[in-house]
Amino acid sequence: MSTELIRIPGERADQLRRLAEHKGGSVADLIGQLIAAEVKRLGLGPQIGLGSTVDIAELENGQVHFSAADLGTFIWSKEATAAVAGAIDNALGRKGGALDLDAGLEIARVGTSIKIRNIETDEARSFAPSIAKELAALLRAAS
């Protein structure tokens, strides 16, 4: 899971820290929530998605194309796509991991992150909880 540095005025940083503290989370969680809320409010989920490293598209044949840097590319039925979204939700809720042979993925909670592993290649990628939640929502919308 990569991170970036954002420079903001000190007063804004203080506001962010206080707001995050008030909501009982971290500044990173708060920023993720604010971005997700704005993307949803503007209806830009399909256009913005999760950046250049994750792509989800509905195909003409009714299947779903999913690709993510480090994980590879998958073509799933809508049912398998919904199952992956559900497995991510379960991992976020600490309800255990899932091994989905139809989707070719293993999904598990590791610390505070969600780890998704390609069963075939053993490549894995970790997602922050706020990103994993958005990923599940995008997959569910495509299913």
N, C-alpha and C. Protein backbone atom coordinates (compact mmCIF):
# COMPACT_ATOMS: atom_id res chain seq x y z
N MET A 1 0.85 -1.16 0.00
CA MET A 1 0.00 0.00 0.00
C MET A 1 0.90 1.23 0.00
N SER A 2 0.79 2.05 -1.04
CA SER A 2 1.63 3.23 -1.13
C SER A 2 0.98 4.40 -0.41
N THR A 3 1.78 5.38 -0.06
CA THR A 3 1.29 6.59 0.58
C THR A 3 1.85 7.80 -0.14
N GLU A 4 1.21 8.91 0.02
CA GLU A 4 1.63 10.17 -0.58
C GLU A 4 1.66 11.24 0.50
N LEU A 5 2.44 12.26 0.26
CA LEU A 5 2.53 13.40 1.17
C LEU A 5 1.75 14.55 0.54
N ILE A 6 0.85 15.13 1.30
CA ILE A 6 0.09 16.30 0.86
C ILE A 6 0.44 17.45 1.78
N ARG A 7 0.82 18.57 1.20
CA ARG A 7 1.16 19.74 2.01
C ARG A 7 -0.07 20.65 2.10
N ILE A 8 -0.41 21.00 3.34
CA ILE A 8 -1.53 21.90 3.57
C ILE A 8 -1.11 22.90 4.65
N PRO A 9 -1.77 24.05 4.70
CA PRO A 9 -1.42 25.02 5.76
C PRO A 9 -1.63 24.42 7.14
N GLY A 10 -0.85 24.86 8.08
CA GLY A 10 -0.91 24.36 9.45
C GLY A 10 -2.29 24.44 10.07
N GLU A 11 -3.01 25.54 9.77
CA GLU A 11 -4.34 25.69 10.32
C GLU A 11 -5.27 24.59 9.83
N ARG A 12 -5.16 24.23 8.55
CA ARG A 12 -5.99 23.16 7.99
C ARG A 12 -5.59 21.81 8.61
N ALA A 13 -4.30 21.61 8.81
CA ALA A 13 -3.84 20.37 9.44
C ALA A 13 -4.41 20.24 10.84
N ASP A 14 -4.45 21.36 11.58
CA ASP A 14 -5.04 21.35 12.92
C ASP A 14 -6.52 21.00 12.85
N GLN A 15 -7.22 21.61 11.88
CA GLN A 15 -8.64 21.31 11.72
C GLN A 15 -8.85 19.83 11.40
N LEU A 16 -8.03 19.29 10.51
CA LEU A 16 -8.15 17.87 10.16
C LEU A 16 -7.94 16.97 11.36
N ARG A 17 -6.89 17.27 12.13
CA ARG A 17 -6.62 16.46 13.32
C ARG A 17 -7.78 16.51 14.31
N ARG A 18 -8.31 17.72 14.54
CA ARG A 18 -9.42 17.86 15.48
C ARG A 18 -10.69 17.17 14.98
N LEU A 19 -10.95 17.30 13.70
CA LEU A 19 -12.13 16.66 13.11
C LEU A 19 -12.00 15.14 13.18
N ALA A 20 -10.82 14.62 12.85
CA ALA A 20 -10.58 13.18 12.92
C ALA A 20 -10.73 12.68 14.35
N GLU A 21 -10.19 13.44 15.30
CA GLU A 21 -10.31 13.08 16.71
C GLU A 21 -11.78 13.06 17.13
N HIS A 22 -12.53 14.06 16.70
CA HIS A 22 -13.96 14.15 17.02
C HIS A 22 -14.72 12.94 16.47
N LYS A 23 -14.33 12.49 15.27
CA LYS A 23 -15.01 11.35 14.63
C LYS A 23 -14.44 10.01 15.10
N GLY A 24 -13.37 10.05 15.91
CA GLY A 24 -12.80 8.81 16.44
C GLY A 24 -11.97 8.03 15.45
N GLY A 25 -11.36 8.69 14.49
CA GLY A 25 -10.53 7.99 13.50
C GLY A 25 -9.23 8.74 13.27
N SER A 26 -8.51 8.29 12.26
CA SER A 26 -7.25 8.93 11.91
C SER A 26 -7.47 9.99 10.84
N VAL A 27 -6.49 10.83 10.62
CA VAL A 27 -6.56 11.84 9.57
C VAL A 27 -6.67 11.16 8.21
N ALA A 28 -5.93 10.08 8.01
CA ALA A 28 -6.00 9.35 6.73
C ALA A 28 -7.40 8.80 6.49
N ASP A 29 -8.03 8.26 7.54
CA ASP A 29 -9.41 7.76 7.40
C ASP A 29 -10.36 8.90 7.06
N LEU A 30 -10.20 10.02 7.73
CA LEU A 30 -11.06 11.17 7.50
C LEU A 30 -10.93 11.66 6.06
N ILE A 31 -9.72 11.79 5.57
CA ILE A 31 -9.51 12.25 4.20
C ILE A 31 -10.14 11.26 3.22
N GLY A 32 -9.99 9.97 3.48
CA GLY A 32 -10.61 8.97 2.64
C GLY A 32 -12.12 9.10 2.62
N GLN A 33 -12.71 9.33 3.79
CA GLN A 33 -14.17 9.50 3.88
C GLN A 33 -14.63 10.74 3.14
N LEU A 34 -13.88 11.82 3.28
CA LEU A 34 -14.24 13.07 2.60
C LEU A 34 -14.17 12.91 1.08
N ILE A 35 -13.12 12.26 0.61
CA ILE A 35 -12.98 12.04 -0.84
C ILE A 35 -14.10 11.14 -1.34
N ALA A 36 -14.35 10.04 -0.64
CA ALA A 36 -15.40 9.11 -1.05
C ALA A 36 -16.76 9.79 -1.08
N ALA A 37 -17.04 10.63 -0.08
CA ALA A 37 -18.32 11.33 -0.04
C ALA A 37 -18.46 12.30 -1.21
N GLU A 38 -17.39 12.98 -1.56
CA GLU A 38 -17.45 13.94 -2.67
C GLU A 38 -17.58 13.22 -4.02
N VAL A 39 -16.86 12.11 -4.18
CA VAL A 39 -16.98 11.33 -5.42
C VAL A 39 -18.41 10.82 -5.56
N LYS A 40 -18.99 10.33 -4.47
CA LYS A 40 -20.37 9.83 -4.50
C LYS A 40 -21.35 10.97 -4.76
N ARG A 41 -21.16 12.09 -4.09
CA ARG A 41 -22.05 13.24 -4.25
C ARG A 41 -22.08 13.72 -5.70
N LEU A 42 -20.92 13.73 -6.34
CA LEU A 42 -20.83 14.20 -7.72
C LEU A 42 -21.15 13.10 -8.74
N GLY A 43 -21.33 11.85 -8.26
CA GLY A 43 -21.63 10.75 -9.16
C GLY A 43 -20.48 10.39 -10.07
N LEU A 44 -19.26 10.53 -9.58
CA LEU A 44 -18.08 10.31 -10.41
C LEU A 44 -17.39 8.97 -10.18
N GLY A 45 -18.04 8.07 -9.41
CA GLY A 45 -17.41 6.78 -9.10
C GLY A 45 -16.91 6.04 -10.32
N PRO A 46 -17.75 5.82 -11.35
CA PRO A 46 -17.27 5.08 -12.53
C PRO A 46 -16.14 5.79 -13.28
N GLN A 47 -16.15 7.13 -13.30
CA GLN A 47 -15.11 7.85 -14.03
C GLN A 47 -13.80 7.92 -13.26
N ILE A 48 -13.89 8.17 -11.96
CA ILE A 48 -12.68 8.33 -11.15
C ILE A 48 -12.21 6.99 -10.61
N GLY A 49 -13.14 6.14 -10.22
CA GLY A 49 -12.76 4.83 -9.70
C GLY A 49 -11.79 4.95 -8.55
N LEU A 50 -10.75 4.15 -8.60
CA LEU A 50 -9.73 4.17 -7.55
C LEU A 50 -8.37 4.58 -8.11
N GLY A 51 -8.37 5.40 -9.12
CA GLY A 51 -7.11 5.86 -9.69
C GLY A 51 -6.67 4.96 -10.82
N SER A 52 -5.42 5.09 -11.17
CA SER A 52 -4.90 4.37 -12.35
C SER A 52 -4.48 2.94 -12.05
N THR A 53 -4.51 2.51 -10.79
CA THR A 53 -4.02 1.17 -10.47
C THR A 53 -5.12 0.12 -10.38
N VAL A 54 -6.38 0.54 -10.41
CA VAL A 54 -7.50 -0.39 -10.36
C VAL A 54 -8.49 -0.03 -11.46
N ASP A 55 -8.93 -1.03 -12.21
CA ASP A 55 -9.91 -0.80 -13.27
C ASP A 55 -11.02 -1.83 -13.16
N ILE A 56 -12.26 -1.36 -13.17
CA ILE A 56 -13.43 -2.23 -13.14
C ILE A 56 -14.34 -1.78 -14.27
N ALA A 57 -14.70 -2.70 -15.13
CA ALA A 57 -15.57 -2.35 -16.26
C ALA A 57 -16.55 -3.47 -16.54
N GLU A 58 -17.77 -3.09 -16.87
CA GLU A 58 -18.78 -4.06 -17.29
C GLU A 58 -18.57 -4.33 -18.78
N LEU A 59 -18.50 -5.59 -19.13
CA LEU A 59 -18.29 -5.97 -20.52
C LEU A 59 -19.62 -6.18 -21.22
N GLU A 60 -19.60 -6.12 -22.54
CA GLU A 60 -20.83 -6.27 -23.33
C GLU A 60 -21.48 -7.64 -23.14
N ASN A 61 -20.69 -8.66 -22.82
CA ASN A 61 -21.23 -10.01 -22.66
C ASN A 61 -21.80 -10.25 -21.25
N GLY A 62 -21.88 -9.20 -20.44
CA GLY A 62 -22.46 -9.32 -19.11
C GLY A 62 -21.46 -9.68 -18.03
N GLN A 63 -20.21 -9.88 -18.40
CA GLN A 63 -19.20 -10.18 -17.39
C GLN A 63 -18.53 -8.88 -16.93
N VAL A 64 -17.68 -9.01 -15.91
CA VAL A 64 -16.99 -7.85 -15.33
C VAL A 64 -15.49 -8.05 -15.48
N HIS A 65 -14.83 -7.01 -15.97
CA HIS A 65 -13.37 -6.98 -16.11
C HIS A 65 -12.82 -6.27 -14.89
N PHE A 66 -11.89 -6.93 -14.18
CA PHE A 66 -11.25 -6.34 -13.01
C PHE A 66 -9.75 -6.46 -13.20
N SER A 67 -9.05 -5.36 -13.08
CA SER A 67 -7.59 -5.43 -13.09
C SER A 67 -7.05 -4.50 -12.01
N ALA A 68 -5.98 -4.94 -11.39
CA ALA A 68 -5.34 -4.15 -10.35
C ALA A 68 -3.84 -4.40 -10.44
N ALA A 69 -3.09 -3.31 -10.34
CA ALA A 69 -1.63 -3.44 -10.35
C ALA A 69 -1.22 -4.45 -9.30
N ASP A 70 -0.29 -5.29 -9.63
CA ASP A 70 0.26 -6.35 -8.77
C ASP A 70 -0.62 -7.60 -8.72
N LEU A 71 -1.92 -7.48 -8.97
CA LEU A 71 -2.81 -8.65 -8.86
C LEU A 71 -3.06 -9.31 -10.20
N GLY A 72 -3.11 -8.53 -11.27
CA GLY A 72 -3.41 -9.08 -12.58
C GLY A 72 -4.78 -8.68 -13.05
N THR A 73 -5.24 -9.37 -14.09
CA THR A 73 -6.53 -9.08 -14.72
C THR A 73 -7.43 -10.30 -14.61
N PHE A 74 -8.69 -10.05 -14.32
CA PHE A 74 -9.68 -11.12 -14.14
C PHE A 74 -10.93 -10.77 -14.91
N ILE A 75 -11.61 -11.78 -15.42
CA ILE A 75 -12.93 -11.64 -16.03
C ILE A 75 -13.87 -12.51 -15.20
N TRP A 76 -14.87 -11.88 -14.58
CA TRP A 76 -15.77 -12.58 -13.68
C TRP A 76 -17.22 -12.47 -14.15
N SER A 77 -18.02 -13.43 -13.73
CA SER A 77 -19.47 -13.30 -13.87
C SER A 77 -19.92 -12.24 -12.86
N LYS A 78 -21.13 -11.77 -13.04
CA LYS A 78 -21.66 -10.79 -12.09
C LYS A 78 -21.79 -11.41 -10.69
N GLU A 79 -22.10 -12.70 -10.63
CA GLU A 79 -22.23 -13.38 -9.34
C GLU A 79 -20.88 -13.46 -8.63
N ALA A 80 -19.82 -13.80 -9.38
CA ALA A 80 -18.48 -13.86 -8.78
C ALA A 80 -18.04 -12.47 -8.33
N THR A 81 -18.38 -11.44 -9.11
CA THR A 81 -18.03 -10.07 -8.75
C THR A 81 -18.72 -9.68 -7.43
N ALA A 82 -19.98 -10.02 -7.30
CA ALA A 82 -20.71 -9.74 -6.05
C ALA A 82 -20.11 -10.52 -4.89
N ALA A 83 -19.65 -11.74 -5.13
CA ALA A 83 -19.03 -12.55 -4.08
C ALA A 83 -17.73 -11.92 -3.61
N VAL A 84 -16.95 -11.38 -4.54
CA VAL A 84 -15.69 -10.71 -4.17
C VAL A 84 -16.01 -9.47 -3.32
N ALA A 85 -17.01 -8.69 -3.72
CA ALA A 85 -17.41 -7.52 -2.94
C ALA A 85 -17.82 -7.94 -1.53
N GLY A 86 -18.59 -9.02 -1.43
CA GLY A 86 -19.01 -9.53 -0.12
C GLY A 86 -17.84 -10.00 0.72
N ALA A 87 -16.87 -10.64 0.08
CA ALA A 87 -15.69 -11.11 0.81
C ALA A 87 -14.87 -9.94 1.35
N ILE A 88 -14.79 -8.87 0.57
CA ILE A 88 -14.08 -7.67 1.05
C ILE A 88 -14.83 -7.08 2.24
N ASP A 89 -16.16 -6.99 2.13
CA ASP A 89 -16.96 -6.50 3.26
C ASP A 89 -16.76 -7.35 4.51
N ASN A 90 -16.74 -8.67 4.33
CA ASN A 90 -16.52 -9.57 5.47
C ASN A 90 -15.16 -9.33 6.10
N ALA A 91 -14.14 -9.17 5.28
CA ALA A 91 -12.80 -8.92 5.81
C ALA A 91 -12.76 -7.58 6.54
N LEU A 92 -13.44 -6.57 5.99
CA LEU A 92 -13.50 -5.27 6.67
C LEU A 92 -14.19 -5.38 8.02
N GLY A 93 -15.21 -6.24 8.09
CA GLY A 93 -15.94 -6.45 9.34
C GLY A 93 -15.30 -7.48 10.24
N ARG A 94 -14.08 -7.89 9.89
CA ARG A 94 -13.33 -8.89 10.66
C ARG A 94 -14.10 -10.19 10.81
N LYS A 95 -14.80 -10.57 9.75
CA LYS A 95 -15.56 -11.82 9.77
C LYS A 95 -14.79 -12.95 9.10
N GLY A 96 -13.49 -12.79 8.99
CA GLY A 96 -12.66 -13.84 8.41
C GLY A 96 -12.32 -13.59 6.96
N GLY A 97 -11.36 -14.36 6.49
CA GLY A 97 -10.92 -14.26 5.11
C GLY A 97 -11.73 -15.16 4.22
N ALA A 98 -11.48 -15.05 2.93
CA ALA A 98 -12.21 -15.87 1.96
C ALA A 98 -11.26 -16.31 0.87
N LEU A 99 -11.43 -17.53 0.43
CA LEU A 99 -10.70 -18.07 -0.69
C LEU A 99 -11.73 -18.35 -1.76
N ASP A 100 -11.71 -17.56 -2.82
CA ASP A 100 -12.70 -17.69 -3.88
C ASP A 100 -12.02 -18.24 -5.12
N LEU A 101 -12.18 -19.54 -5.34
CA LEU A 101 -11.53 -20.18 -6.49
C LEU A 101 -12.12 -19.71 -7.81
N ASP A 102 -13.43 -19.40 -7.83
CA ASP A 102 -14.05 -18.90 -9.06
C ASP A 102 -13.45 -17.56 -9.46
N ALA A 103 -13.18 -16.70 -8.48
CA ALA A 103 -12.62 -15.39 -8.75
C ALA A 103 -11.10 -15.42 -8.81
N GLY A 104 -10.48 -16.48 -8.27
CA GLY A 104 -9.02 -16.59 -8.29
C GLY A 104 -8.32 -15.76 -7.24
N LEU A 105 -9.04 -15.38 -6.18
CA LEU A 105 -8.47 -14.49 -5.17
C LEU A 105 -8.62 -15.05 -3.76
N GLU A 106 -7.70 -14.64 -2.91
CA GLU A 106 -7.83 -14.84 -1.47
C GLU A 106 -7.90 -13.45 -0.86
N ILE A 107 -8.87 -13.21 0.00
CA ILE A 107 -9.09 -11.90 0.60
C ILE A 107 -9.04 -12.08 2.11
N ALA A 108 -8.22 -11.27 2.77
CA ALA A 108 -8.07 -11.40 4.22
C ALA A 108 -7.76 -10.06 4.86
N ARG A 109 -8.09 -9.97 6.12
CA ARG A 109 -7.73 -8.79 6.92
C ARG A 109 -6.33 -9.04 7.47
N VAL A 110 -5.44 -8.08 7.26
CA VAL A 110 -4.08 -8.16 7.80
C VAL A 110 -3.82 -6.84 8.52
N GLY A 111 -3.83 -6.90 9.84
CA GLY A 111 -3.73 -5.66 10.62
C GLY A 111 -4.96 -4.82 10.35
N THR A 112 -4.73 -3.58 9.94
CA THR A 112 -5.86 -2.72 9.60
C THR A 112 -6.18 -2.76 8.11
N SER A 113 -5.34 -3.40 7.32
CA SER A 113 -5.49 -3.43 5.87
C SER A 113 -6.23 -4.66 5.39
N ILE A 114 -6.66 -4.60 4.14
CA ILE A 114 -7.25 -5.74 3.46
C ILE A 114 -6.23 -6.21 2.43
N LYS A 115 -5.86 -7.48 2.52
CA LYS A 115 -4.88 -8.05 1.60
C LYS A 115 -5.62 -8.93 0.60
N ILE A 116 -5.37 -8.67 -0.68
CA ILE A 116 -5.96 -9.48 -1.74
C ILE A 116 -4.82 -10.16 -2.47
N ARG A 117 -4.91 -11.50 -2.59
CA ARG A 117 -3.85 -12.28 -3.21
C ARG A 117 -4.40 -13.05 -4.40
N ASN A 118 -3.65 -12.99 -5.51
CA ASN A 118 -3.96 -13.78 -6.70
C ASN A 118 -3.53 -15.21 -6.39
N ILE A 119 -4.48 -16.14 -6.37
CA ILE A 119 -4.19 -17.53 -6.01
C ILE A 119 -3.21 -18.16 -7.00
N GLU A 120 -3.34 -17.82 -8.27
CA GLU A 120 -2.51 -18.44 -9.30
C GLU A 120 -1.07 -17.94 -9.30
N THR A 121 -0.88 -16.63 -9.17
CA THR A 121 0.47 -16.06 -9.26
C THR A 121 1.11 -15.79 -7.91
N ASP A 122 0.32 -15.82 -6.84
CA ASP A 122 0.74 -15.51 -5.48
C ASP A 122 1.08 -14.03 -5.29
N GLU A 123 0.81 -13.20 -6.30
CA GLU A 123 1.01 -11.75 -6.15
C GLU A 123 -0.08 -11.22 -5.22
N ALA A 124 0.27 -10.23 -4.40
CA ALA A 124 -0.68 -9.71 -3.44
C ALA A 124 -0.60 -8.19 -3.39
N ARG A 125 -1.68 -7.62 -2.91
CA ARG A 125 -1.73 -6.17 -2.74
C ARG A 125 -2.56 -5.87 -1.51
N SER A 126 -2.11 -4.90 -0.73
CA SER A 126 -2.85 -4.46 0.45
C SER A 126 -3.57 -3.16 0.16
N PHE A 127 -4.77 -3.04 0.69
CA PHE A 127 -5.59 -1.85 0.53
C PHE A 127 -5.94 -1.29 1.89
N ALA A 128 -5.86 0.02 2.05
CA ALA A 128 -6.33 0.66 3.27
C ALA A 128 -7.83 0.39 3.40
N PRO A 129 -8.36 0.33 4.62
CA PRO A 129 -9.77 0.02 4.79
C PRO A 129 -10.70 0.94 3.99
N SER A 130 -10.41 2.23 3.95
CA SER A 130 -11.29 3.14 3.22
C SER A 130 -11.27 2.85 1.72
N ILE A 131 -10.12 2.46 1.18
CA ILE A 131 -10.01 2.12 -0.24
C ILE A 131 -10.70 0.78 -0.50
N ALA A 132 -10.51 -0.18 0.40
CA ALA A 132 -11.16 -1.49 0.23
C ALA A 132 -12.68 -1.34 0.24
N LYS A 133 -13.19 -0.45 1.09
CA LYS A 133 -14.63 -0.21 1.14
C LYS A 133 -15.13 0.34 -0.19
N GLU A 134 -14.38 1.28 -0.76
CA GLU A 134 -14.75 1.84 -2.07
C GLU A 134 -14.65 0.78 -3.16
N LEU A 135 -13.61 -0.07 -3.08
CA LEU A 135 -13.44 -1.14 -4.05
C LEU A 135 -14.64 -2.08 -4.02
N ALA A 136 -15.07 -2.45 -2.81
CA ALA A 136 -16.24 -3.32 -2.68
C ALA A 136 -17.49 -2.67 -3.28
N ALA A 137 -17.65 -1.37 -3.04
CA ALA A 137 -18.81 -0.65 -3.57
C ALA A 137 -18.78 -0.60 -5.10
N LEU A 138 -17.62 -0.37 -5.68
CA LEU A 138 -17.50 -0.34 -7.14
C LEU A 138 -17.77 -1.72 -7.74
N LEU A 139 -17.26 -2.77 -7.08
CA LEU A 139 -17.52 -4.13 -7.56
C LEU A 139 -19.01 -4.47 -7.46
N ARG A 140 -19.62 -4.07 -6.34
CA ARG A 140 -21.04 -4.34 -6.16
C ARG A 140 -21.87 -3.61 -7.22
N ALA A 141 -21.48 -2.38 -7.56
CA ALA A 141 -22.20 -1.62 -8.57
C ALA A 141 -22.08 -2.28 -9.95
N ALA A 142 -20.95 -2.94 -10.20
CA ALA A 142 -20.74 -3.60 -11.50
C ALA A 142 -21.41 -4.97 -11.56
N SER A 143 -21.78 -5.52 -10.39
CA SER A 143 -22.35 -6.89 -10.37
C SER A 143 -23.84 -6.91 -10.59
